[in-house]
All heavy atoms as atom14 arrays in JSON, in Angstrom:
{
  "sequence": "TPGTSSPPGDGSAGPSWGTPQPHDGWGRPDQPVDQPSVLPGAPPQG",
  "atom14_mask": [
    [1, 1, 1, 1, 1, 1, 1, 0, 0, 0, 0, 0, 0, 0],
    [1, 1, 1, 1, 1, 1, 1, 0, 0, 0, 0, 0, 0, 0],
    [1, 1, 1, 1, 0, 0, 0, 0, 0, 0, 0, 0, 0, 0],
    [1, 1, 1, 1, 1, 1, 1, 0, 0, 0, 0, 0, 0, 0],
    [1, 1, 1, 1, 1, 1, 0, 0, 0, 0, 0, 0, 0, 0],
    [1, 1, 1, 1, 1, 1, 0, 0, 0, 0, 0, 0, 0, 0],
    [1, 1, 1, 1, 1, 1, 1, 0, 0, 0, 0, 0, 0, 0],
    [1, 1, 1, 1, 1, 1, 1, 0, 0, 0, 0, 0, 0, 0],
    [1, 1, 1, 1, 0, 0, 0, 0, 0, 0, 0, 0, 0, 0],
    [1, 1, 1, 1, 1, 1, 1, 1, 0, 0, 0, 0, 0, 0],
    [1, 1, 1, 1, 0, 0, 0, 0, 0, 0, 0, 0, 0, 0],
    [1, 1, 1, 1, 1, 1, 0, 0, 0, 0, 0, 0, 0, 0],
    [1, 1, 1, 1, 1, 0, 0, 0, 0, 0, 0, 0, 0, 0],
    [1, 1, 1, 1, 0, 0, 0, 0, 0, 0, 0, 0, 0, 0],
    [1, 1, 1, 1, 1, 1, 1, 0, 0, 0, 0, 0, 0, 0],
    [1, 1, 1, 1, 1, 1, 0, 0, 0, 0, 0, 0, 0, 0],
    [1, 1, 1, 1, 1, 1, 1, 1, 1, 1, 1, 1, 1, 1],
    [1, 1, 1, 1, 0, 0, 0, 0, 0, 0, 0, 0, 0, 0],
    [1, 1, 1, 1, 1, 1, 1, 0, 0, 0, 0, 0, 0, 0],
    [1, 1, 1, 1, 1, 1, 1, 0, 0, 0, 0, 0, 0, 0],
    [1, 1, 1, 1, 1, 1, 1, 1, 1, 0, 0, 0, 0, 0],
    [1, 1, 1, 1, 1, 1, 1, 0, 0, 0, 0, 0, 0, 0],
    [1, 1, 1, 1, 1, 1, 1, 1, 1, 1, 0, 0, 0, 0],
    [1, 1, 1, 1, 1, 1, 1, 1, 0, 0, 0, 0, 0, 0],
    [1, 1, 1, 1, 0, 0, 0, 0, 0, 0, 0, 0, 0, 0],
    [1, 1, 1, 1, 1, 1, 1, 1, 1, 1, 1, 1, 1, 1],
    [1, 1, 1, 1, 0, 0, 0, 0, 0, 0, 0, 0, 0, 0],
    [1, 1, 1, 1, 1, 1, 1, 1, 1, 1, 1, 0, 0, 0],
    [1, 1, 1, 1, 1, 1, 1, 0, 0, 0, 0, 0, 0, 0],
    [1, 1, 1, 1, 1, 1, 1, 1, 0, 0, 0, 0, 0, 0],
    [1, 1, 1, 1, 1, 1, 1, 1, 1, 0, 0, 0, 0, 0],
    [1, 1, 1, 1, 1, 1, 1, 0, 0, 0, 0, 0, 0, 0],
    [1, 1, 1, 1, 1, 1, 1, 0, 0, 0, 0, 0, 0, 0],
    [1, 1, 1, 1, 1, 1, 1, 1, 0, 0, 0, 0, 0, 0],
    [1, 1, 1, 1, 1, 1, 1, 1, 1, 0, 0, 0, 0, 0],
    [1, 1, 1, 1, 1, 1, 1, 0, 0, 0, 0, 0, 0, 0],
    [1, 1, 1, 1, 1, 1, 0, 0, 0, 0, 0, 0, 0, 0],
    [1, 1, 1, 1, 1, 1, 1, 0, 0, 0, 0, 0, 0, 0],
    [1, 1, 1, 1, 1, 1, 1, 1, 0, 0, 0, 0, 0, 0],
    [1, 1, 1, 1, 1, 1, 1, 0, 0, 0, 0, 0, 0, 0],
    [1, 1, 1, 1, 0, 0, 0, 0, 0, 0, 0, 0, 0, 0],
    [1, 1, 1, 1, 1, 0, 0, 0, 0, 0, 0, 0, 0, 0],
    [1, 1, 1, 1, 1, 1, 1, 0, 0, 0, 0, 0, 0, 0],
    [1, 1, 1, 1, 1, 1, 1, 0, 0, 0, 0, 0, 0, 0],
    [1, 1, 1, 1, 1, 1, 1, 1, 1, 0, 0, 0, 0, 0],
    [1, 1, 1, 1, 0, 0, 0, 0, 0, 0, 0, 0, 0, 0]
  ],
  "atom14_positions": [
    [[114.52, 103.25, 122.82], [114.15, 103.81, 124.12], [115.17, 104.83, 124.57], [116.36, 104.53, 124.59], [114.07, 102.69, 125.17], [113.25, 101.65, 124.65], [113.51, 103.2, 126.48], [0.0, 0.0, 0.0], [0.0, 0.0, 0.0], [0.0, 0.0, 0.0], [0.0, 0.0, 0.0], [0.0, 0.0, 0.0], [0.0, 0.0, 0.0], [0.0, 0.0, 0.0]],
    [[114.78, 106.06, 124.92], [115.74, 107.06, 125.36], [116.57, 106.53, 126.53], [116.05, 105.93, 127.47], [114.86, 108.23, 125.78], [113.62, 108.08, 124.98], [113.43, 106.6, 124.87], [0.0, 0.0, 0.0], [0.0, 0.0, 0.0], [0.0, 0.0, 0.0], [0.0, 0.0, 0.0], [0.0, 0.0, 0.0], [0.0, 0.0, 0.0], [0.0, 0.0, 0.0]],
    [[117.87, 106.79, 126.46], [118.76, 106.38, 127.52], [119.3, 104.98, 127.36], [120.03, 104.48, 128.2], [0.0, 0.0, 0.0], [0.0, 0.0, 0.0], [0.0, 0.0, 0.0], [0.0, 0.0, 0.0], [0.0, 0.0, 0.0], [0.0, 0.0, 0.0], [0.0, 0.0, 0.0], [0.0, 0.0, 0.0], [0.0, 0.0, 0.0], [0.0, 0.0, 0.0]],
    [[118.95, 104.31, 126.25], [119.44, 102.95, 126.01], [120.06, 102.89, 124.64], [119.84, 103.75, 123.79], [118.3, 101.92, 126.08], [117.39, 102.18, 125.01], [117.58, 101.98, 127.4], [0.0, 0.0, 0.0], [0.0, 0.0, 0.0], [0.0, 0.0, 0.0], [0.0, 0.0, 0.0], [0.0, 0.0, 0.0], [0.0, 0.0, 0.0], [0.0, 0.0, 0.0]],
    [[120.84, 101.86, 124.42], [121.41, 101.64, 123.1], [120.4, 100.9, 122.25], [119.6, 100.12, 122.75], [122.7, 100.82, 123.21], [123.66, 101.5, 123.98], [0.0, 0.0, 0.0], [0.0, 0.0, 0.0], [0.0, 0.0, 0.0], [0.0, 0.0, 0.0], [0.0, 0.0, 0.0], [0.0, 0.0, 0.0], [0.0, 0.0, 0.0], [0.0, 0.0, 0.0]],
    [[120.48, 101.14, 120.96], [119.58, 100.42, 120.06], [119.9, 98.95, 120.11], [121.06, 98.55, 120.11], [119.75, 100.94, 118.63], [119.39, 102.29, 118.57], [0.0, 0.0, 0.0], [0.0, 0.0, 0.0], [0.0, 0.0, 0.0], [0.0, 0.0, 0.0], [0.0, 0.0, 0.0], [0.0, 0.0, 0.0], [0.0, 0.0, 0.0], [0.0, 0.0, 0.0]],
    [[118.88, 98.09, 120.16], [119.13, 96.66, 120.16], [119.82, 96.24, 118.89], [119.6, 96.83, 117.84], [117.72, 96.05, 120.27], [116.86, 97.15, 120.74], [117.48, 98.41, 120.25], [0.0, 0.0, 0.0], [0.0, 0.0, 0.0], [0.0, 0.0, 0.0], [0.0, 0.0, 0.0], [0.0, 0.0, 0.0], [0.0, 0.0, 0.0], [0.0, 0.0, 0.0]],
    [[120.68, 95.22, 118.96], [121.32, 94.75, 117.74], [120.29, 94.18, 116.8], [119.3, 93.61, 117.2], [122.28, 93.66, 118.24], [121.67, 93.2, 119.53], [121.03, 94.41, 120.14], [0.0, 0.0, 0.0], [0.0, 0.0, 0.0], [0.0, 0.0, 0.0], [0.0, 0.0, 0.0], [0.0, 0.0, 0.0], [0.0, 0.0, 0.0], [0.0, 0.0, 0.0]],
    [[120.52, 94.32, 115.53], [119.55, 93.8, 114.55], [119.96, 94.2, 113.17], [121.12, 94.19, 112.81], [0.0, 0.0, 0.0], [0.0, 0.0, 0.0], [0.0, 0.0, 0.0], [0.0, 0.0, 0.0], [0.0, 0.0, 0.0], [0.0, 0.0, 0.0], [0.0, 0.0, 0.0], [0.0, 0.0, 0.0], [0.0, 0.0, 0.0], [0.0, 0.0, 0.0]],
    [[118.98, 94.61, 112.39], [119.24, 94.9, 110.99], [119.59, 96.35, 110.75], [119.71, 96.79, 109.63], [118.02, 94.52, 110.14], [116.75, 95.19, 110.62], [116.86, 96.23, 111.29], [115.67, 94.69, 110.32], [0.0, 0.0, 0.0], [0.0, 0.0, 0.0], [0.0, 0.0, 0.0], [0.0, 0.0, 0.0], [0.0, 0.0, 0.0], [0.0, 0.0, 0.0]],
    [[119.71, 97.12, 111.8], [120.08, 98.52, 111.64], [118.94, 99.43, 111.33], [119.14, 100.57, 110.97], [0.0, 0.0, 0.0], [0.0, 0.0, 0.0], [0.0, 0.0, 0.0], [0.0, 0.0, 0.0], [0.0, 0.0, 0.0], [0.0, 0.0, 0.0], [0.0, 0.0, 0.0], [0.0, 0.0, 0.0], [0.0, 0.0, 0.0], [0.0, 0.0, 0.0]],
    [[117.71, 98.94, 111.44], [116.58, 99.77, 111.07], [116.16, 100.73, 112.15], [115.36, 101.61, 111.92], [115.39, 98.88, 110.69], [114.98, 98.12, 111.78], [0.0, 0.0, 0.0], [0.0, 0.0, 0.0], [0.0, 0.0, 0.0], [0.0, 0.0, 0.0], [0.0, 0.0, 0.0], [0.0, 0.0, 0.0], [0.0, 0.0, 0.0], [0.0, 0.0, 0.0]],
    [[116.67, 100.56, 113.35], [116.18, 101.39, 114.44], [116.85, 102.73, 114.51], [116.28, 103.69, 114.97], [116.38, 100.66, 115.76], [0.0, 0.0, 0.0], [0.0, 0.0, 0.0], [0.0, 0.0, 0.0], [0.0, 0.0, 0.0], [0.0, 0.0, 0.0], [0.0, 0.0, 0.0], [0.0, 0.0, 0.0], [0.0, 0.0, 0.0], [0.0, 0.0, 0.0]],
    [[118.1, 102.83, 114.06], [118.8, 104.09, 114.14], [119.38, 104.32, 115.52], [119.27, 103.49, 116.41], [0.0, 0.0, 0.0], [0.0, 0.0, 0.0], [0.0, 0.0, 0.0], [0.0, 0.0, 0.0], [0.0, 0.0, 0.0], [0.0, 0.0, 0.0], [0.0, 0.0, 0.0], [0.0, 0.0, 0.0], [0.0, 0.0, 0.0], [0.0, 0.0, 0.0]],
    [[120.02, 105.46, 115.75], [120.66, 105.71, 117.04], [119.66, 106.01, 118.12], [118.57, 106.48, 117.87], [121.52, 106.95, 116.73], [120.77, 107.65, 115.64], [120.15, 106.57, 114.82], [0.0, 0.0, 0.0], [0.0, 0.0, 0.0], [0.0, 0.0, 0.0], [0.0, 0.0, 0.0], [0.0, 0.0, 0.0], [0.0, 0.0, 0.0], [0.0, 0.0, 0.0]],
    [[120.05, 105.73, 119.36], [119.21, 106.16, 120.47], [119.43, 107.65, 120.68], [120.42, 108.2, 120.24], [119.57, 105.38, 121.73], [120.92, 105.61, 122.1], [0.0, 0.0, 0.0], [0.0, 0.0, 0.0], [0.0, 0.0, 0.0], [0.0, 0.0, 0.0], [0.0, 0.0, 0.0], [0.0, 0.0, 0.0], [0.0, 0.0, 0.0], [0.0, 0.0, 0.0]],
    [[118.52, 108.27, 121.38], [118.54, 109.73, 121.45], [118.67, 110.27, 122.85], [118.11, 111.31, 123.18], [117.28, 110.29, 120.78], [117.37, 110.22, 119.31], [118.49, 110.09, 118.56], [116.3, 110.28, 118.38], [118.18, 110.06, 117.23], [116.85, 110.18, 117.09], [114.91, 110.41, 118.52], [116.07, 110.2, 115.95], [114.14, 110.43, 117.39], [114.71, 110.33, 116.1]],
    [[119.35, 109.57, 123.72], [119.67, 110.13, 125.02], [118.58, 109.96, 126.04], [117.51, 109.41, 125.81], [0.0, 0.0, 0.0], [0.0, 0.0, 0.0], [0.0, 0.0, 0.0], [0.0, 0.0, 0.0], [0.0, 0.0, 0.0], [0.0, 0.0, 0.0], [0.0, 0.0, 0.0], [0.0, 0.0, 0.0], [0.0, 0.0, 0.0], [0.0, 0.0, 0.0]],
    [[118.86, 110.46, 127.23], [117.97, 110.33, 128.37], [116.78, 111.27, 128.25], [116.94, 112.39, 127.81], [118.73, 110.65, 129.66], [119.89, 109.81, 129.71], [117.87, 110.39, 130.89], [0.0, 0.0, 0.0], [0.0, 0.0, 0.0], [0.0, 0.0, 0.0], [0.0, 0.0, 0.0], [0.0, 0.0, 0.0], [0.0, 0.0, 0.0], [0.0, 0.0, 0.0]],
    [[115.58, 110.83, 128.62], [114.42, 111.73, 128.58], [114.67, 112.98, 129.4], [115.27, 112.92, 130.47], [113.3, 110.88, 129.19], [113.74, 109.47, 129.03], [115.24, 109.5, 129.11], [0.0, 0.0, 0.0], [0.0, 0.0, 0.0], [0.0, 0.0, 0.0], [0.0, 0.0, 0.0], [0.0, 0.0, 0.0], [0.0, 0.0, 0.0], [0.0, 0.0, 0.0]],
    [[114.2, 114.1, 128.9], [114.37, 115.36, 129.59], [113.03, 115.83, 130.14], [112.0, 115.65, 129.51], [114.93, 116.44, 128.64], [116.29, 116.05, 128.06], [116.86, 117.18, 127.24], [116.73, 118.35, 127.6], [117.51, 116.84, 126.13], [0.0, 0.0, 0.0], [0.0, 0.0, 0.0], [0.0, 0.0, 0.0], [0.0, 0.0, 0.0], [0.0, 0.0, 0.0]],
    [[113.03, 116.43, 131.32], [111.75, 116.89, 131.89], [111.19, 118.03, 131.08], [111.92, 118.84, 130.53], [112.15, 117.35, 133.29], [113.6, 117.7, 133.18], [114.18, 116.75, 132.18], [0.0, 0.0, 0.0], [0.0, 0.0, 0.0], [0.0, 0.0, 0.0], [0.0, 0.0, 0.0], [0.0, 0.0, 0.0], [0.0, 0.0, 0.0], [0.0, 0.0, 0.0]],
    [[109.86, 118.07, 130.98], [109.2, 119.14, 130.24], [109.07, 120.37, 131.13], [108.46, 120.35, 132.17], [107.79, 118.71, 129.8], [107.82, 117.68, 128.71], [108.44, 117.92, 127.51], [107.33, 116.43, 128.65], [108.31, 116.85, 126.73], [107.65, 115.94, 127.41], [0.0, 0.0, 0.0], [0.0, 0.0, 0.0], [0.0, 0.0, 0.0], [0.0, 0.0, 0.0]],
    [[109.65, 121.46, 130.7], [109.48, 122.75, 131.36], [109.3, 123.78, 130.27], [110.2, 124.53, 129.93], [110.71, 123.09, 132.22], [110.54, 124.4, 132.98], [109.38, 124.81, 133.17], [111.55, 125.0, 133.38], [0.0, 0.0, 0.0], [0.0, 0.0, 0.0], [0.0, 0.0, 0.0], [0.0, 0.0, 0.0], [0.0, 0.0, 0.0], [0.0, 0.0, 0.0]],
    [[108.11, 123.75, 129.68], [107.93, 124.51, 128.46], [108.8, 123.86, 127.4], [108.87, 122.66, 127.29], [0.0, 0.0, 0.0], [0.0, 0.0, 0.0], [0.0, 0.0, 0.0], [0.0, 0.0, 0.0], [0.0, 0.0, 0.0], [0.0, 0.0, 0.0], [0.0, 0.0, 0.0], [0.0, 0.0, 0.0], [0.0, 0.0, 0.0], [0.0, 0.0, 0.0]],
    [[109.51, 124.66, 126.62], [110.45, 124.14, 125.64], [111.88, 124.47, 126.03], [112.79, 124.36, 125.22], [110.16, 124.7, 124.25], [108.98, 124.06, 123.63], [107.73, 124.56, 123.56], [108.93, 122.78, 123.01], [106.9, 123.68, 122.94], [107.61, 122.59, 122.58], [109.85, 121.78, 122.78], [107.2, 121.44, 121.95], [109.45, 120.65, 122.13], [108.13, 120.48, 121.72]],
    [[112.11, 124.91, 127.27], [113.45, 125.31, 127.66], [114.3, 124.14, 128.12], [113.83, 123.06, 128.36], [0.0, 0.0, 0.0], [0.0, 0.0, 0.0], [0.0, 0.0, 0.0], [0.0, 0.0, 0.0], [0.0, 0.0, 0.0], [0.0, 0.0, 0.0], [0.0, 0.0, 0.0], [0.0, 0.0, 0.0], [0.0, 0.0, 0.0], [0.0, 0.0, 0.0]],
    [[115.6, 124.37, 128.23], [116.51, 123.38, 128.78], [116.26, 123.26, 130.26], [115.9, 124.21, 130.94], [117.96, 123.78, 128.52], [118.33, 123.89, 127.06], [119.83, 124.05, 126.91], [120.35, 125.2, 127.63], [120.46, 126.41, 127.09], [120.05, 126.6, 125.86], [120.96, 127.39, 127.79], [0.0, 0.0, 0.0], [0.0, 0.0, 0.0], [0.0, 0.0, 0.0]],
    [[116.54, 122.06, 130.85], [116.34, 121.91, 132.29], [117.19, 122.85, 133.11], [116.81, 123.23, 134.21], [116.75, 120.44, 132.52], [116.55, 119.76, 131.21], [116.87, 120.8, 130.18], [0.0, 0.0, 0.0], [0.0, 0.0, 0.0], [0.0, 0.0, 0.0], [0.0, 0.0, 0.0], [0.0, 0.0, 0.0], [0.0, 0.0, 0.0], [0.0, 0.0, 0.0]],
    [[118.37, 123.25, 132.57], [119.26, 124.11, 133.34], [119.12, 125.58, 132.97], [119.92, 126.41, 133.37], [120.72, 123.67, 133.14], [121.14, 123.72, 131.68], [120.24, 123.83, 130.81], [122.35, 123.64, 131.41], [0.0, 0.0, 0.0], [0.0, 0.0, 0.0], [0.0, 0.0, 0.0], [0.0, 0.0, 0.0], [0.0, 0.0, 0.0], [0.0, 0.0, 0.0]],
    [[118.11, 125.92, 132.17], [117.97, 127.3, 131.7], [117.31, 128.16, 132.76], [116.27, 127.79, 133.3], [117.14, 127.31, 130.42], [117.01, 128.7, 129.79], [116.23, 128.62, 128.5], [115.56, 127.64, 128.24], [116.3, 129.65, 127.7], [0.0, 0.0, 0.0], [0.0, 0.0, 0.0], [0.0, 0.0, 0.0], [0.0, 0.0, 0.0], [0.0, 0.0, 0.0]],
    [[117.85, 129.32, 133.09], [117.21, 130.22, 134.05], [115.82, 130.61, 133.58], [115.57, 130.73, 132.38], [118.16, 131.43, 134.08], [119.47, 130.92, 133.57], [119.15, 129.84, 132.6], [0.0, 0.0, 0.0], [0.0, 0.0, 0.0], [0.0, 0.0, 0.0], [0.0, 0.0, 0.0], [0.0, 0.0, 0.0], [0.0, 0.0, 0.0], [0.0, 0.0, 0.0]],
    [[114.94, 130.8, 134.53], [113.54, 131.03, 134.18], [113.33, 132.41, 133.57], [112.28, 132.67, 133.0], [112.65, 130.91, 135.44], [112.68, 129.5, 135.95], [113.09, 131.9, 136.53], [0.0, 0.0, 0.0], [0.0, 0.0, 0.0], [0.0, 0.0, 0.0], [0.0, 0.0, 0.0], [0.0, 0.0, 0.0], [0.0, 0.0, 0.0], [0.0, 0.0, 0.0]],
    [[114.31, 133.31, 133.69], [114.09, 134.65, 133.14], [114.64, 134.79, 131.74], [114.72, 135.88, 131.2], [114.74, 135.71, 134.05], [116.25, 135.47, 134.23], [116.71, 134.35, 133.89], [116.93, 136.39, 134.72], [0.0, 0.0, 0.0], [0.0, 0.0, 0.0], [0.0, 0.0, 0.0], [0.0, 0.0, 0.0], [0.0, 0.0, 0.0], [0.0, 0.0, 0.0]],
    [[115.07, 133.66, 131.13], [115.58, 133.72, 129.78], [114.55, 133.12, 128.83], [113.75, 132.28, 129.22], [116.9, 132.95, 129.67], [118.04, 133.62, 130.43], [119.36, 132.91, 130.18], [119.44, 132.03, 129.34], [120.38, 133.29, 130.93], [0.0, 0.0, 0.0], [0.0, 0.0, 0.0], [0.0, 0.0, 0.0], [0.0, 0.0, 0.0], [0.0, 0.0, 0.0]],
    [[114.58, 133.53, 127.54], [113.63, 132.97, 126.59], [113.76, 131.47, 126.48], [114.84, 130.91, 126.59], [114.02, 133.66, 125.25], [114.75, 134.89, 125.66], [115.46, 134.54, 126.95], [0.0, 0.0, 0.0], [0.0, 0.0, 0.0], [0.0, 0.0, 0.0], [0.0, 0.0, 0.0], [0.0, 0.0, 0.0], [0.0, 0.0, 0.0], [0.0, 0.0, 0.0]],
    [[112.64, 130.83, 126.29], [112.6, 129.36, 126.22], [112.64, 128.91, 124.78], [111.71, 129.15, 124.03], [111.31, 128.86, 126.88], [111.18, 127.49, 126.68], [0.0, 0.0, 0.0], [0.0, 0.0, 0.0], [0.0, 0.0, 0.0], [0.0, 0.0, 0.0], [0.0, 0.0, 0.0], [0.0, 0.0, 0.0], [0.0, 0.0, 0.0], [0.0, 0.0, 0.0]],
    [[113.74, 128.3, 124.38], [113.89, 127.79, 123.03], [114.6, 126.45, 123.11], [115.25, 126.13, 124.09], [114.7, 128.75, 122.12], [113.97, 130.04, 121.92], [116.09, 129.02, 122.71], [0.0, 0.0, 0.0], [0.0, 0.0, 0.0], [0.0, 0.0, 0.0], [0.0, 0.0, 0.0], [0.0, 0.0, 0.0], [0.0, 0.0, 0.0], [0.0, 0.0, 0.0]],
    [[114.47, 125.67, 122.05], [115.21, 124.42, 122.01], [116.7, 124.7, 121.88], [117.09, 125.65, 121.19], [114.76, 123.58, 120.81], [113.52, 122.74, 121.03], [113.11, 122.13, 119.7], [113.75, 121.67, 122.06], [0.0, 0.0, 0.0], [0.0, 0.0, 0.0], [0.0, 0.0, 0.0], [0.0, 0.0, 0.0], [0.0, 0.0, 0.0], [0.0, 0.0, 0.0]],
    [[117.56, 123.91, 122.55], [118.99, 124.14, 122.47], [119.48, 124.13, 121.03], [119.26, 123.18, 120.29], [119.58, 122.94, 123.24], [118.47, 122.46, 124.12], [117.22, 122.76, 123.37], [0.0, 0.0, 0.0], [0.0, 0.0, 0.0], [0.0, 0.0, 0.0], [0.0, 0.0, 0.0], [0.0, 0.0, 0.0], [0.0, 0.0, 0.0], [0.0, 0.0, 0.0]],
    [[120.12, 125.22, 120.6], [120.7, 125.3, 119.28], [119.71, 125.42, 118.16], [120.05, 125.22, 117.0], [0.0, 0.0, 0.0], [0.0, 0.0, 0.0], [0.0, 0.0, 0.0], [0.0, 0.0, 0.0], [0.0, 0.0, 0.0], [0.0, 0.0, 0.0], [0.0, 0.0, 0.0], [0.0, 0.0, 0.0], [0.0, 0.0, 0.0], [0.0, 0.0, 0.0]],
    [[118.44, 125.71, 118.5], [117.42, 125.78, 117.45], [117.71, 126.94, 116.51], [118.04, 128.03, 116.95], [116.04, 125.96, 118.06], [0.0, 0.0, 0.0], [0.0, 0.0, 0.0], [0.0, 0.0, 0.0], [0.0, 0.0, 0.0], [0.0, 0.0, 0.0], [0.0, 0.0, 0.0], [0.0, 0.0, 0.0], [0.0, 0.0, 0.0], [0.0, 0.0, 0.0]],
    [[117.65, 126.72, 115.2], [117.89, 127.8, 114.26], [116.73, 128.76, 114.26], [115.64, 128.45, 114.71], [117.99, 127.04, 112.91], [117.13, 125.84, 113.12], [117.31, 125.46, 114.56], [0.0, 0.0, 0.0], [0.0, 0.0, 0.0], [0.0, 0.0, 0.0], [0.0, 0.0, 0.0], [0.0, 0.0, 0.0], [0.0, 0.0, 0.0], [0.0, 0.0, 0.0]],
    [[116.95, 129.96, 113.74], [115.84, 130.91, 113.66], [114.78, 130.42, 112.72], [115.02, 129.56, 111.88], [116.53, 132.19, 113.12], [117.74, 131.69, 112.4], [118.2, 130.49, 113.18], [0.0, 0.0, 0.0], [0.0, 0.0, 0.0], [0.0, 0.0, 0.0], [0.0, 0.0, 0.0], [0.0, 0.0, 0.0], [0.0, 0.0, 0.0], [0.0, 0.0, 0.0]],
    [[113.59, 130.96, 112.86], [112.5, 130.56, 111.99], [112.86, 130.87, 110.55], [113.49, 131.87, 110.24], [111.21, 131.28, 112.36], [110.7, 130.87, 113.73], [109.29, 131.37, 113.96], [108.59, 131.66, 113.03], [108.91, 131.46, 115.21], [0.0, 0.0, 0.0], [0.0, 0.0, 0.0], [0.0, 0.0, 0.0], [0.0, 0.0, 0.0], [0.0, 0.0, 0.0]],
    [[112.41, 129.93, 109.68], [112.76, 130.08, 108.28], [114.13, 129.51, 107.97], [114.73, 129.83, 106.97], [0.0, 0.0, 0.0], [0.0, 0.0, 0.0], [0.0, 0.0, 0.0], [0.0, 0.0, 0.0], [0.0, 0.0, 0.0], [0.0, 0.0, 0.0], [0.0, 0.0, 0.0], [0.0, 0.0, 0.0], [0.0, 0.0, 0.0], [0.0, 0.0, 0.0]]
  ]
}
């Protein structure tokens, strides 16, 4: 569950992935609206 630690167990769940982020297109929540909307640190296509 985002924002929680993985329950103890056999290690099959993997790491948790942080707090849910609001959907505003694909941009960061703090990204100005006049800038291109991309995922943070996303590599170029290809």
